[in-house]
């Protein structure tokens, strides 16, 4: 019975750790998108949409900052036209 308790608590701890790790990564990605949006509410909303698109396209996490920066620049370019 002691082994069962150790196994269950260890697995629960690992699952919780994994859940936290995924949540923190998502929060960091969201913060990056919002920071690229600046203070403009419309741009911030648009950047969150772009983040969703990046997730749908399965953009690698390492490439995400550059991808979001290009998207932010394209938003600025479309506003100047």
PDB file of N, CA and C in Angstrom:
ATOM      1  N   UNK A   1       0.818  -1.194   0.000  1.00  0.00           N
ATOM      2  CA  UNK A   1       0.000   0.000   0.000  1.00  0.00           C
ATOM      3  C   UNK A   1       0.863   1.259   0.000  1.00  0.00           C
ATOM      4  N   UNK A   2       1.989   1.198   0.693  1.00  0.00           N
ATOM      5  CA  UNK A   2       2.872   2.364   0.742  1.00  0.00           C
ATOM      6  C   UNK A   2       3.388   2.721  -0.650  1.00  0.00           C
ATOM      7  N   UNK A   3       3.726   1.702  -1.436  1.00  0.00           N
ATOM      8  CA  UNK A   3       4.227   1.951  -2.790  1.00  0.00           C
ATOM      9  C   UNK A   3       3.157   2.608  -3.661  1.00  0.00           C
ATOM     10  N   UNK A   4       1.930   2.186  -3.480  1.00  0.00           N
ATOM     11  CA  UNK A   4       0.821   2.761  -4.233  1.00  0.00           C
ATOM     12  C   UNK A   4       0.691   4.258  -3.949  1.00  0.00           C
ATOM     13  N   UNK A   5       0.785   4.636  -2.690  1.00  0.00           N
ATOM     14  CA  UNK A   5       0.687   6.045  -2.316  1.00  0.00           C
ATOM     15  C   UNK A   5       1.838   6.837  -2.923  1.00  0.00           C
ATOM     16  N   UNK A   6       3.030   6.284  -2.876  1.00  0.00           N
ATOM     17  CA  UNK A   6       4.199   6.966  -3.441  1.00  0.00           C
ATOM     18  C   UNK A   6       4.035   7.136  -4.946  1.00  0.00           C
ATOM     19  N   UNK A   7       3.581   6.096  -5.626  1.00  0.00           N
ATOM     20  CA  UNK A   7       3.404   6.152  -7.081  1.00  0.00           C
ATOM     21  C   UNK A   7       2.322   7.175  -7.447  1.00  0.00           C
ATOM     22  N   UNK A   8       1.206   7.139  -6.754  1.00  0.00           N
ATOM     23  CA  UNK A   8       0.103   8.052  -7.063  1.00  0.00           C
ATOM     24  C   UNK A   8       0.511   9.498  -6.829  1.00  0.00           C
ATOM     25  N   UNK A   9       1.146   9.784  -5.718  1.00  0.00           N
ATOM     26  CA  UNK A   9       1.540  11.171  -5.438  1.00  0.00           C
ATOM     27  C   UNK A   9       2.632  11.640  -6.392  1.00  0.00           C
ATOM     28  N   UNK A  10       3.536  10.760  -6.767  1.00  0.00           N
ATOM     29  CA  UNK A  10       4.581  11.122  -7.729  1.00  0.00           C
ATOM     30  C   UNK A  10       3.968  11.428  -9.089  1.00  0.00           C
ATOM     31  N   UNK A  11       3.062  10.587  -9.549  1.00  0.00           N
ATOM     32  CA  UNK A  11       2.404  10.824 -10.834  1.00  0.00           C
ATOM     33  C   UNK A  11       1.567  12.102 -10.799  1.00  0.00           C
ATOM     34  N   UNK A  12       0.873  12.334  -9.701  1.00  0.00           N
ATOM     35  CA  UNK A  12       0.079  13.555  -9.582  1.00  0.00           C
ATOM     36  C   UNK A  12       0.986  14.783  -9.629  1.00  0.00           C
ATOM     37  N   UNK A  13       2.121  14.714  -8.965  1.00  0.00           N
ATOM     38  CA  UNK A  13       3.077  15.822  -8.991  1.00  0.00           C
ATOM     39  C   UNK A  13       3.628  16.066 -10.377  1.00  0.00           C
ATOM     40  N   UNK A  14       3.940  15.005 -11.097  1.00  0.00           N
ATOM     41  CA  UNK A  14       4.460  15.145 -12.460  1.00  0.00           C
ATOM     42  C   UNK A  14       3.418  15.730 -13.410  1.00  0.00           C
ATOM     43  N   UNK A  15       2.188  15.271 -13.280  1.00  0.00           N
ATOM     44  CA  UNK A  15       1.115  15.796 -14.126  1.00  0.00           C
ATOM     45  C   UNK A  15       0.889  17.274 -13.824  1.00  0.00           C
ATOM     46  N   UNK A  16       0.869  17.630 -12.558  1.00  0.00           N
ATOM     47  CA  UNK A  16       0.683  19.025 -12.178  1.00  0.00           C
ATOM     48  C   UNK A  16       1.837  19.887 -12.693  1.00  0.00           C
ATOM     49  N   UNK A  17       3.043  19.389 -12.589  1.00  0.00           N
ATOM     50  CA  UNK A  17       4.217  20.113 -13.084  1.00  0.00           C
ATOM     51  C   UNK A  17       4.104  20.327 -14.590  1.00  0.00           C
ATOM     52  N   UNK A  18       3.710  19.300 -15.316  1.00  0.00           N
ATOM     53  CA  UNK A  18       3.538  19.417 -16.764  1.00  0.00           C
ATOM     54  C   UNK A  18       2.459  20.412 -17.125  1.00  0.00           C
ATOM     55  N   UNK A  19       1.357  20.393 -16.384  1.00  0.00           N
ATOM     56  CA  UNK A  19       0.262  21.337 -16.629  1.00  0.00           C
ATOM     57  C   UNK A  19       0.737  22.772 -16.403  1.00  0.00           C
ATOM     58  N   UNK A  20       1.456  22.997 -15.308  1.00  0.00           N
ATOM     59  CA  UNK A  20       1.983  24.333 -15.036  1.00  0.00           C
ATOM     60  C   UNK A  20       2.952  24.786 -16.124  1.00  0.00           C
ATOM     61  N   UNK A  21       3.804  23.887 -16.579  1.00  0.00           N
ATOM     62  CA  UNK A  21       4.778  24.206 -17.616  1.00  0.00           C
ATOM     63  C   UNK A  21       4.069  24.672 -18.889  1.00  0.00           C
ATOM     64  N   UNK A  22       3.037  23.959 -19.290  1.00  0.00           N
ATOM     65  CA  UNK A  22       2.279  24.325 -20.494  1.00  0.00           C
ATOM     66  C   UNK A  22       1.574  25.662 -20.296  1.00  0.00           C
ATOM     67  N   UNK A  23       0.971  25.870 -19.124  1.00  0.00           N
ATOM     68  CA  UNK A  23       0.285  27.135 -18.843  1.00  0.00           C
ATOM     69  C   UNK A  23       1.246  28.317 -18.880  1.00  0.00           C
ATOM     70  N   UNK A  24       2.418  28.165 -18.265  1.00  0.00           N
ATOM     71  CA  UNK A  24       3.394  29.246 -18.262  1.00  0.00           C
ATOM     72  C   UNK A  24       3.861  29.582 -19.675  1.00  0.00           C
ATOM     73  N   UNK A  25       4.062  28.558 -20.502  1.00  0.00           N
ATOM     74  CA  UNK A  25       4.461  28.814 -21.894  1.00  0.00           C
ATOM     75  C   UNK A  25       3.369  29.567 -22.636  1.00  0.00           C
ATOM     76  N   UNK A  26       2.123  29.182 -22.443  1.00  0.00           N
ATOM     77  CA  UNK A  26       1.016  29.884 -23.108  1.00  0.00           C
ATOM     78  C   UNK A  26       0.920  31.323 -22.640  1.00  0.00           C
ATOM     79  N   UNK A  27       1.090  31.544 -21.334  1.00  0.00           N
ATOM     80  CA  UNK A  27       1.045  32.908 -20.809  1.00  0.00           C
ATOM     81  C   UNK A  27       2.181  33.743 -21.383  1.00  0.00           C
ATOM     82  N   UNK A  28       3.363  33.146 -21.504  1.00  0.00           N
ATOM     83  CA  UNK A  28       4.509  33.880 -22.052  1.00  0.00           C
ATOM     84  C   UNK A  28       4.256  34.239 -23.515  1.00  0.00           C
ATOM     85  N   UNK A  29       3.700  33.310 -24.283  1.00  0.00           N
ATOM     86  CA  UNK A  29       3.390  33.587 -25.691  1.00  0.00           C
ATOM     87  C   UNK A  29       2.335  34.692 -25.800  1.00  0.00           C
ATOM     88  N   UNK A  30       1.328  34.647 -24.936  1.00  0.00           N
ATOM     89  CA  UNK A  30       0.285  35.667 -24.943  1.00  0.00           C
ATOM     90  C   UNK A  30       0.869  37.030 -24.569  1.00  0.00           C
ATOM     91  N   UNK A  31       1.724  37.053 -23.578  1.00  0.00           N
ATOM     92  CA  UNK A  31       2.361  38.313 -23.177  1.00  0.00           C
ATOM     93  C   UNK A  31       3.215  38.875 -24.304  1.00  0.00           C
ATOM     94  N   UNK A  32       3.901  38.006 -25.031  1.00  0.00           N
ATOM     95  CA  UNK A  32       4.706  38.461 -26.169  1.00  0.00           C
ATOM     96  C   UNK A  32       3.812  39.112 -27.223  1.00  0.00           C
ATOM     97  N   UNK A  33       2.712  38.452 -27.552  1.00  0.00           N
ATOM     98  CA  UNK A  33       1.796  39.004 -28.555  1.00  0.00           C
ATOM     99  C   UNK A  33       1.224  40.337 -28.095  1.00  0.00           C
ATOM    100  N   UNK A  34       0.839  40.424 -26.835  1.00  0.00           N
ATOM    101  CA  UNK A  34       0.277  41.677 -26.323  1.00  0.00           C
ATOM    102  C   UNK A  34       1.320  42.785 -26.280  1.00  0.00           C
ATOM    103  N   UNK A  35       2.556  42.442 -25.957  1.00  0.00           N
ATOM    104  CA  UNK A  35       3.598  43.473 -25.913  1.00  0.00           C
ATOM    105  C   UNK A  35       3.889  44.006 -27.309  1.00  0.00           C
ATOM    106  N   UNK A  36       3.787  43.153 -28.319  1.00  0.00           N
ATOM    107  CA  UNK A  36       3.989  43.618 -29.693  1.00  0.00           C
ATOM    108  C   UNK A  36       2.807  44.465 -30.157  1.00  0.00           C
ATOM    109  N   UNK A  37       1.663  44.296 -29.503  1.00  0.00           N
ATOM    110  CA  UNK A  37       0.487  45.096 -29.828  1.00  0.00           C
ATOM    111  C   UNK A  37       0.559  46.506 -29.273  1.00  0.00           C
ATOM    112  N   UNK A  38       1.410  46.718 -28.294  1.00  0.00           N
ATOM    113  CA  UNK A  38       1.552  48.054 -27.714  1.00  0.00           C
ATOM    114  C   UNK A  38       0.304  48.478 -26.966  1.00  0.00           C
ATOM    115  N   UNK A  39      -0.021  49.750 -27.048  1.00  0.00           N
ATOM    116  CA  UNK A  39      -1.182  50.278 -26.319  1.00  0.00           C
ATOM    117  C   UNK A  39      -2.442  50.344 -27.174  1.00  0.00           C
ATOM    118  N   UNK A  40      -2.315  50.073 -28.462  1.00  0.00           N
ATOM    119  CA  UNK A  40      -3.448  50.101 -29.385  1.00  0.00           C
ATOM    120  C   UNK A  40      -4.315  48.860 -29.167  1.00  0.00           C
ATOM    121  N   UNK A  41      -5.540  49.056 -28.704  1.00  0.00           N
ATOM    122  CA  UNK A  41      -6.425  47.929 -28.396  1.00  0.00           C
ATOM    123  C   UNK A  41      -6.737  47.087 -29.626  1.00  0.00           C
ATOM    124  N   UNK A  42      -6.915  47.724 -30.757  1.00  0.00           N
ATOM    125  CA  UNK A  42      -7.216  46.979 -31.984  1.00  0.00           C
ATOM    126  C   UNK A  42      -6.019  46.126 -32.392  1.00  0.00           C
ATOM    127  N   UNK A  43      -4.835  46.675 -32.268  1.00  0.00           N
ATOM    128  CA  UNK A  43      -3.639  45.913 -32.636  1.00  0.00           C
ATOM    129  C   UNK A  43      -3.414  44.765 -31.657  1.00  0.00           C
ATOM    130  N   UNK A  44      -3.682  44.990 -30.379  1.00  0.00           N
ATOM    131  CA  UNK A  44      -3.523  43.923 -29.390  1.00  0.00           C
ATOM    132  C   UNK A  44      -4.470  42.761 -29.702  1.00  0.00           C
ATOM    133  N   UNK A  45      -5.722  43.084 -30.046  1.00  0.00           N
ATOM    134  CA  UNK A  45      -6.686  42.041 -30.399  1.00  0.00           C
ATOM    135  C   UNK A  45      -6.237  41.316 -31.661  1.00  0.00           C
ATOM    136  N   UNK A  46      -5.721  42.077 -32.618  1.00  0.00           N
ATOM    137  CA  UNK A  46      -5.254  41.479 -33.869  1.00  0.00           C
ATOM    138  C   UNK A  46      -4.053  40.564 -33.609  1.00  0.00           C
ATOM    139  N   UNK A  47      -3.169  40.982 -32.712  1.00  0.00           N
ATOM    140  CA  UNK A  47      -2.001  40.159 -32.395  1.00  0.00           C
ATOM    141  C   UNK A  47      -2.410  38.863 -31.702  1.00  0.00           C
ATOM    142  N   UNK A  48      -3.457  38.914 -30.877  1.00  0.00           N
ATOM    143  CA  UNK A  48      -3.948  37.680 -30.262  1.00  0.00           C
ATOM    144  C   UNK A  48      -4.540  36.746 -31.314  1.00  0.00           C
ATOM    145  N   UNK A  49      -5.193  37.320 -32.329  1.00  0.00           N
ATOM    146  CA  UNK A  49      -5.685  36.500 -33.436  1.00  0.00           C
ATOM    147  C   UNK A  49      -4.517  35.867 -34.186  1.00  0.00           C
ATOM    148  N   UNK A  50      -3.468  36.641 -34.390  1.00  0.00           N
ATOM    149  CA  UNK A  50      -2.278  36.124 -35.068  1.00  0.00           C
ATOM    150  C   UNK A  50      -1.639  35.010 -34.252  1.00  0.00           C
ATOM    151  N   UNK A  51      -1.638  35.136 -32.934  1.00  0.00           N
ATOM    152  CA  UNK A  51      -1.103  34.079 -32.072  1.00  0.00           C
ATOM    153  C   UNK A  51      -1.917  32.804 -32.238  1.00  0.00           C
ATOM    154  N   UNK A  52      -3.226  32.949 -32.311  1.00  0.00           N
ATOM    155  CA  UNK A  52      -4.081  31.790 -32.562  1.00  0.00           C
ATOM    156  C   UNK A  52      -3.783  31.161 -33.909  1.00  0.00           C
ATOM    157  N   UNK A  53      -3.542  32.000 -34.907  1.00  0.00           N
ATOM    158  CA  UNK A  53      -3.188  31.484 -36.242  1.00  0.00           C
ATOM    159  C   UNK A  53      -1.853  30.758 -36.199  1.00  0.00           C
ATOM    160  N   UNK A  54      -0.907  31.282 -35.452  1.00  0.00           N
ATOM    161  CA  UNK A  54       0.403  30.619 -35.325  1.00  0.00           C
ATOM    162  C   UNK A  54       0.243  29.247 -34.691  1.00  0.00           C
ATOM    163  N   UNK A  55      -0.640  29.145 -33.722  1.00  0.00           N
ATOM    164  CA  UNK A  55      -0.875  27.838 -33.094  1.00  0.00           C
ATOM    165  C   UNK A  55      -1.534  26.874 -34.071  1.00  0.00           C
ATOM    166  N   UNK A  56      -2.480  27.389 -34.882  1.00  0.00           N
ATOM    167  CA  UNK A  56      -3.127  26.525 -35.875  1.00  0.00           C
ATOM    168  C   UNK A  56      -2.137  26.055 -36.931  1.00  0.00           C
ATOM    169  N   UNK A  57      -1.200  26.938 -37.299  1.00  0.00           N
ATOM    170  CA  UNK A  57      -0.188  26.575 -38.296  1.00  0.00           C
ATOM    171  C   UNK A  57       0.951  25.777 -37.686  1.00  0.00           C
ATOM    172  N   UNK A  58       0.934  25.623 -36.371  1.00  0.00           N
ATOM    173  CA  UNK A  58       1.970  24.893 -35.642  1.00  0.00           C
ATOM    174  C   UNK A  58       3.358  25.492 -35.874  1.00  0.00           C
ATOM    175  N   UNK A  59       3.425  26.826 -35.768  1.00  0.00           N
ATOM    176  CA  UNK A  59       4.698  27.530 -35.869  1.00  0.00           C
ATOM    177  C   UNK A  59       5.556  27.087 -34.685  1.00  0.00           C
ATOM    178  N   UNK A  60       6.792  26.727 -34.959  1.00  0.00           N
ATOM    179  CA  UNK A  60       7.692  26.281 -33.894  1.00  0.00           C
ATOM    180  C   UNK A  60       7.866  27.388 -32.861  1.00  0.00           C
ATOM    181  N   UNK A  61       7.946  26.998 -31.623  1.00  0.00           N
ATOM    182  CA  UNK A  61       8.045  27.994 -30.543  1.00  0.00           C
ATOM    183  C   UNK A  61       9.295  28.852 -30.691  1.00  0.00           C
ATOM    184  N   UNK A  62      10.343  28.278 -31.189  1.00  0.00           N
ATOM    185  CA  UNK A  62      11.582  29.028 -31.384  1.00  0.00           C
ATOM    186  C   UNK A  62      11.409  30.110 -32.452  1.00  0.00           C
ATOM    187  N   UNK A  63      10.566  29.845 -33.442  1.00  0.00           N
ATOM    188  CA  UNK A  63      10.339  30.793 -34.532  1.00  0.00           C
ATOM    189  C   UNK A  63       9.200  31.766 -34.239  1.00  0.00           C
ATOM    190  N   UNK A  64       8.470  31.535 -33.160  1.00  0.00           N
ATOM    191  CA  UNK A  64       7.288  32.341 -32.859  1.00  0.00           C
ATOM    192  C   UNK A  64       7.585  33.833 -32.682  1.00  0.00           C
ATOM    193  N   UNK A  65       8.606  34.237 -31.930  1.00  0.00           N
ATOM    194  CA  UNK A  65       8.851  35.683 -31.782  1.00  0.00           C
ATOM    195  C   UNK A  65       9.088  36.400 -33.113  1.00  0.00           C
ATOM    196  N   UNK A  66       9.876  35.795 -33.990  1.00  0.00           N
ATOM    197  CA  UNK A  66      10.128  36.407 -35.295  1.00  0.00           C
ATOM    198  C   UNK A  66       8.855  36.448 -36.132  1.00  0.00           C
ATOM    199  N   UNK A  67       8.076  35.377 -36.073  1.00  0.00           N
ATOM    200  CA  UNK A  67       6.832  35.312 -36.843  1.00  0.00           C
ATOM    201  C   UNK A  67       5.858  36.390 -36.371  1.00  0.00           C
ATOM    202  N   UNK A  68       5.725  36.520 -35.055  1.00  0.00           N
ATOM    203  CA  UNK A  68       4.828  37.539 -34.520  1.00  0.00           C
ATOM    204  C   UNK A  68       5.330  38.949 -34.842  1.00  0.00           C
ATOM    205  N   UNK A  69       6.630  39.158 -34.820  1.00  0.00           N
ATOM    206  CA  UNK A  69       7.192  40.470 -35.157  1.00  0.00           C
ATOM    207  C   UNK A  69       6.870  40.824 -36.610  1.00  0.00           C
ATOM    208  N   UNK A  70       7.009  39.865 -37.520  1.00  0.00           N
ATOM    209  CA  UNK A  70       6.657  40.106 -38.927  1.00  0.00           C
ATOM    210  C   UNK A  70       5.179  40.441 -39.065  1.00  0.00           C
ATOM    211  N   UNK A  71       4.343  39.732 -38.314  1.00  0.00           N
ATOM    212  CA  UNK A  71       2.904  40.010 -38.356  1.00  0.00           C
ATOM    213  C   UNK A  71       2.613  41.412 -37.818  1.00  0.00           C
ATOM    214  N   UNK A  72       3.296  41.801 -36.751  1.00  0.00           N
ATOM    215  CA  UNK A  72       3.104  43.147 -36.203  1.00  0.00           C
ATOM    216  C   UNK A  72       3.541  44.196 -37.214  1.00  0.00           C
ATOM    217  N   UNK A  73       4.642  43.949 -37.911  1.00  0.00           N
ATOM    218  CA  UNK A  73       5.109  44.883 -38.939  1.00  0.00           C
ATOM    219  C   UNK A  73       4.119  44.957 -40.098  1.00  0.00           C
ATOM    220  N   UNK A  74       3.514  43.820 -40.460  1.00  0.00           N
ATOM    221  CA  UNK A  74       2.545  43.841 -41.555  1.00  0.00           C
ATOM    222  C   UNK A  74       1.287  44.597 -41.137  1.00  0.00           C
ATOM    223  N   UNK A  75       0.944  44.569 -39.868  1.00  0.00           N
ATOM    224  CA  UNK A  75      -0.189  45.360 -39.387  1.00  0.00           C
ATOM    225  C   UNK A  75       0.108  46.847 -39.553  1.00  0.00           C
ATOM    226  N   UNK A  76       1.299  47.250 -39.185  1.00  0.00           N
ATOM    227  CA  UNK A  76       1.695  48.651 -39.334  1.00  0.00           C
ATOM    228  C   UNK A  76       1.687  49.056 -40.815  1.00  0.00           C
ATOM    229  N   UNK A  77       2.177  48.184 -41.678  1.00  0.00           N
ATOM    230  CA  UNK A  77       2.221  48.496 -43.103  1.00  0.00           C
ATOM    231  C   UNK A  77       0.808  48.622 -43.674  1.00  0.00           C
ATOM    232  N   UNK A  78      -0.108  47.769 -43.230  1.00  0.00           N
ATOM    233  CA  UNK A  78      -1.470  47.835 -43.748  1.00  0.00           C
ATOM    234  C   UNK A  78      -2.200  49.088 -43.248  1.00  0.00           C
ATOM    235  N   UNK A  79      -1.810  49.601 -42.092  1.00  0.00           N
ATOM    236  CA  UNK A  79      -2.428  50.816 -41.563  1.00  0.00           C
ATOM    237  C   UNK A  79      -1.942  52.068 -42.277  1.00  0.00           C
ATOM    238  N   UNK A  80      -0.762  52.015 -42.880  1.00  0.00           N
ATOM    239  CA  UNK A  80      -0.192  53.176 -43.550  1.00  0.00           C
ATOM    240  C   UNK A  80      -0.722  53.340 -44.960  1.00  0.00           C
ATOM    241  N   UNK A  81      -1.324  52.317 -45.488  1.00  0.00           N
ATOM    242  CA  UNK A  81      -1.829  52.376 -46.872  1.00  0.00           C
ATOM    243  C   UNK A  81      -3.135  53.121 -46.934  1.00  0.00           C
TER     244      UNK A  81
END
